[in-house]
C-alpha atoms as a PDB file:
ATOM      1  CA  MET A   1     -34.562 -17.919   0.519  1.00  0.00           C
ATOM      2  CA  ARG A   2     -34.030 -14.466  -0.959  1.00  0.00           C
ATOM      3  CA  GLY A   3     -35.638 -12.787   2.046  1.00  0.00           C
ATOM      4  CA  ARG A   4     -33.374 -14.667   4.437  1.00  0.00           C
ATOM      5  CA  LEU A   5     -30.294 -13.629   2.498  1.00  0.00           C
ATOM      6  CA  ARG A   6     -31.351  -9.993   2.546  1.00  0.00           C
ATOM      7  CA  ALA A   7     -32.013 -10.092   6.277  1.00  0.00           C
ATOM      8  CA  TRP A   8     -28.648 -11.746   6.932  1.00  0.00           C
ATOM      9  CA  LEU A   9     -26.852  -9.132   4.833  1.00  0.00           C
ATOM     10  CA  ARG A  10     -28.588  -6.302   6.688  1.00  0.00           C
ATOM     11  CA  ARG A  11     -27.503  -7.752  10.034  1.00  0.00           C
ATOM     12  CA  THR A  12     -23.909  -8.526   9.115  1.00  0.00           C
ATOM     13  CA  ILE A  13     -22.798  -5.891   6.601  1.00  0.00           C
ATOM     14  CA  THR A  14     -22.011  -2.814   8.633  1.00  0.00           C
ATOM     15  CA  TYR A  15     -20.438   0.477   7.670  1.00  0.00           C
ATOM     16  CA  ARG A  16     -17.021  -0.825   8.769  1.00  0.00           C
ATOM     17  CA  TRP A  17     -17.219  -3.895   6.523  1.00  0.00           C
ATOM     18  CA  ALA A  18     -18.550  -1.877   3.603  1.00  0.00           C
ATOM     19  CA  ARG A  19     -15.695   0.615   3.945  1.00  0.00           C
ATOM     20  CA  ARG A  20     -13.166  -2.209   4.211  1.00  0.00           C
ATOM     21  CA  ILE A  21     -14.497  -3.825   1.041  1.00  0.00           C
ATOM     22  CA  VAL A  22     -14.443  -0.537  -0.879  1.00  0.00           C
ATOM     23  CA  VAL A  23     -10.889   0.257   0.280  1.00  0.00           C
ATOM     24  CA  ALA A  24      -9.757  -3.267  -0.665  1.00  0.00           C
ATOM     25  CA  VAL A  25     -11.248  -3.033  -4.142  1.00  0.00           C
ATOM     26  CA  ILE A  26      -9.959   0.472  -4.909  1.00  0.00           C
ATOM     27  CA  GLY A  27      -6.532  -0.025  -3.317  1.00  0.00           C
ATOM     28  CA  GLY A  28      -6.105  -3.459  -4.879  1.00  0.00           C
ATOM     29  CA  THR A  29      -6.995  -2.110  -8.291  1.00  0.00           C
ATOM     30  CA  ILE A  30      -4.494   0.752  -7.994  1.00  0.00           C
ATOM     31  CA  LEU A  31      -1.814  -1.659  -6.760  1.00  0.00           C
ATOM     32  CA  LEU A  32      -2.448  -4.107  -9.626  1.00  0.00           C
ATOM     33  CA  ILE A  33      -2.279  -1.271 -12.148  1.00  0.00           C
ATOM     34  CA  GLY A  34       1.056  -0.237 -10.612  1.00  0.00           C
ATOM     35  CA  VAL A  35       2.405  -3.783 -10.809  1.00  0.00           C
ATOM     36  CA  ALA A  36       1.291  -3.956 -14.450  1.00  0.00           C
ATOM     37  CA  MET A  37       3.167  -0.719 -15.073  1.00  0.00           C
ATOM     38  CA  VAL A  38       6.403  -2.430 -14.074  1.00  0.00           C
ATOM     39  CA  ILE A  39       6.398  -4.143 -17.487  1.00  0.00           C
ATOM     40  CA  LEU A  40       4.077  -1.756 -19.321  1.00  0.00           C
ATOM     41  CA  PRO A  41       4.979   1.886 -19.864  1.00  0.00           C
ATOM     42  CA  GLY A  42       3.941   4.025 -16.941  1.00  0.00           C
ATOM     43  CA  PRO A  43       4.986   5.474 -13.594  1.00  0.00           C
ATOM     44  CA  ALA A  44       4.957   2.253 -11.517  1.00  0.00           C
ATOM     45  CA  ILE A  45       7.289   3.794  -8.935  1.00  0.00           C
ATOM     46  CA  ILE A  46       4.579   6.344  -8.135  1.00  0.00           C
ATOM     47  CA  VAL A  47       1.448   4.200  -8.510  1.00  0.00           C
ATOM     48  CA  ILE A  48       2.507   1.230  -6.336  1.00  0.00           C
ATOM     49  CA  PRO A  49       3.041   3.340  -3.169  1.00  0.00           C
ATOM     50  CA  ILE A  50      -0.278   5.086  -3.808  1.00  0.00           C
ATOM     51  CA  GLY A  51      -2.025   1.703  -3.952  1.00  0.00           C
ATOM     52  CA  LEU A  52      -0.279   0.600  -0.751  1.00  0.00           C
ATOM     53  CA  GLY A  53      -1.263   3.873   0.885  1.00  0.00           C
ATOM     54  CA  VAL A  54      -4.922   3.344   0.037  1.00  0.00           C
ATOM     55  CA  LEU A  55      -4.780  -0.250   1.278  1.00  0.00           C
ATOM     56  CA  GLY A  56      -2.954   0.954   4.385  1.00  0.00           C
ATOM     57  CA  LEU A  57      -6.049   2.862   5.441  1.00  0.00           C
ATOM     58  CA  GLU A  58      -7.602  -0.457   6.494  1.00  0.00           C
ATOM     59  CA  PHE A  59      -4.967  -3.214   6.383  1.00  0.00           C
ATOM     60  CA  ALA A  60      -1.881  -3.580   8.579  1.00  0.00           C
ATOM     61  CA  PHE A  61       0.056  -5.641   6.018  1.00  0.00           C
ATOM     62  CA  ALA A  62      -0.088  -2.754   3.538  1.00  0.00           C
ATOM     63  CA  ARG A  63       1.154  -0.284   6.159  1.00  0.00           C
ATOM     64  CA  HIS A  64       4.056  -2.654   6.896  1.00  0.00           C
ATOM     65  CA  TRP A  65       4.945  -3.004   3.190  1.00  0.00           C
ATOM     66  CA  LEU A  66       4.709   0.753   2.728  1.00  0.00           C
ATOM     67  CA  ARG A  67       7.097   1.349   5.657  1.00  0.00           C
ATOM     68  CA  LYS A  68       9.577  -1.156   4.205  1.00  0.00           C
ATOM     69  CA  LEU A  69       9.271   0.426   0.757  1.00  0.00           C
ATOM     70  CA  ARG A  70       9.810   3.890   2.201  1.00  0.00           C
ATOM     71  CA  ALA A  71      12.902   2.748   4.149  1.00  0.00           C
ATOM     72  CA  THR A  72      14.352   1.043   1.071  1.00  0.00           C
ATOM     73  CA  ALA A  73      13.729   4.125  -1.063  1.00  0.00           C
ATOM     74  CA  THR A  74      15.409   6.333   1.549  1.00  0.00           C
ATOM     75  CA  ASP A  75      18.432   4.020   1.613  1.00  0.00           C
ATOM     76  CA  VAL A  76      18.690   4.086  -2.175  1.00  0.00           C
ATOM     77  CA  VAL A  77      18.444   7.876  -2.288  1.00  0.00           C
ATOM     78  CA  ASN A  78      21.102   8.199   0.415  1.00  0.00           C
ATOM     79  CA  ARG A  79      23.442   5.841  -1.449  1.00  0.00           C
ATOM     80  CA  VAL A  80      22.972   7.802  -4.665  1.00  0.00           C
ATOM     81  CA  ARG A  81      23.702  11.046  -2.839  1.00  0.00           C
ATOM     82  CA  GLY A  82      26.786   9.501  -1.285  1.00  0.00           C
ATOM     83  CA  ARG A  83      25.602   9.553   2.308  1.00  0.00           C
ATOM     84  CA  THR A  84      26.072   6.633   4.648  1.00  0.00           C
ATOM     85  CA  LYS A  85      23.369   5.135   6.823  1.00  0.00           C
ATOM     86  CA  THR A  86      25.108   6.076  10.063  1.00  0.00           C
ATOM     87  CA  PRO A  87      27.412   9.071  10.400  1.00  0.00           C
ATOM     88  CA  ALA A  88      31.051   8.120   9.982  1.00  0.00           C
ATOM     89  CA  GLU A  89      33.371   8.658  12.910  1.00  0.00           C
ATOM     90  CA  PRO A  90      35.928  11.424  12.417  1.00  0.00           C
ATOM     91  CA  PRO A  91      39.536  10.218  12.050  1.00  0.00           C
ATOM     92  CA  SER A  92      41.596  10.372  15.245  1.00  0.00           C
END
């Protein structure tokens, strides 16, 4: 039984799957630490995008979330600076 399992793992676990697993574990851990920092003291605003960036190396959902987060952050910064999303038309 053990020999069969080893042979199956050698056939199925490739470099791509191993990399995907490692990225998922590391990125997921960083993301969970960032989410924990939302209620615990720490720089959650910095750690969560880093975790999404690591996950985005292999997973499309993380790239999508990171794009949405980046767009939202840009909108917030522009509102704080007093800029509008689209340029205002000059008065006639």
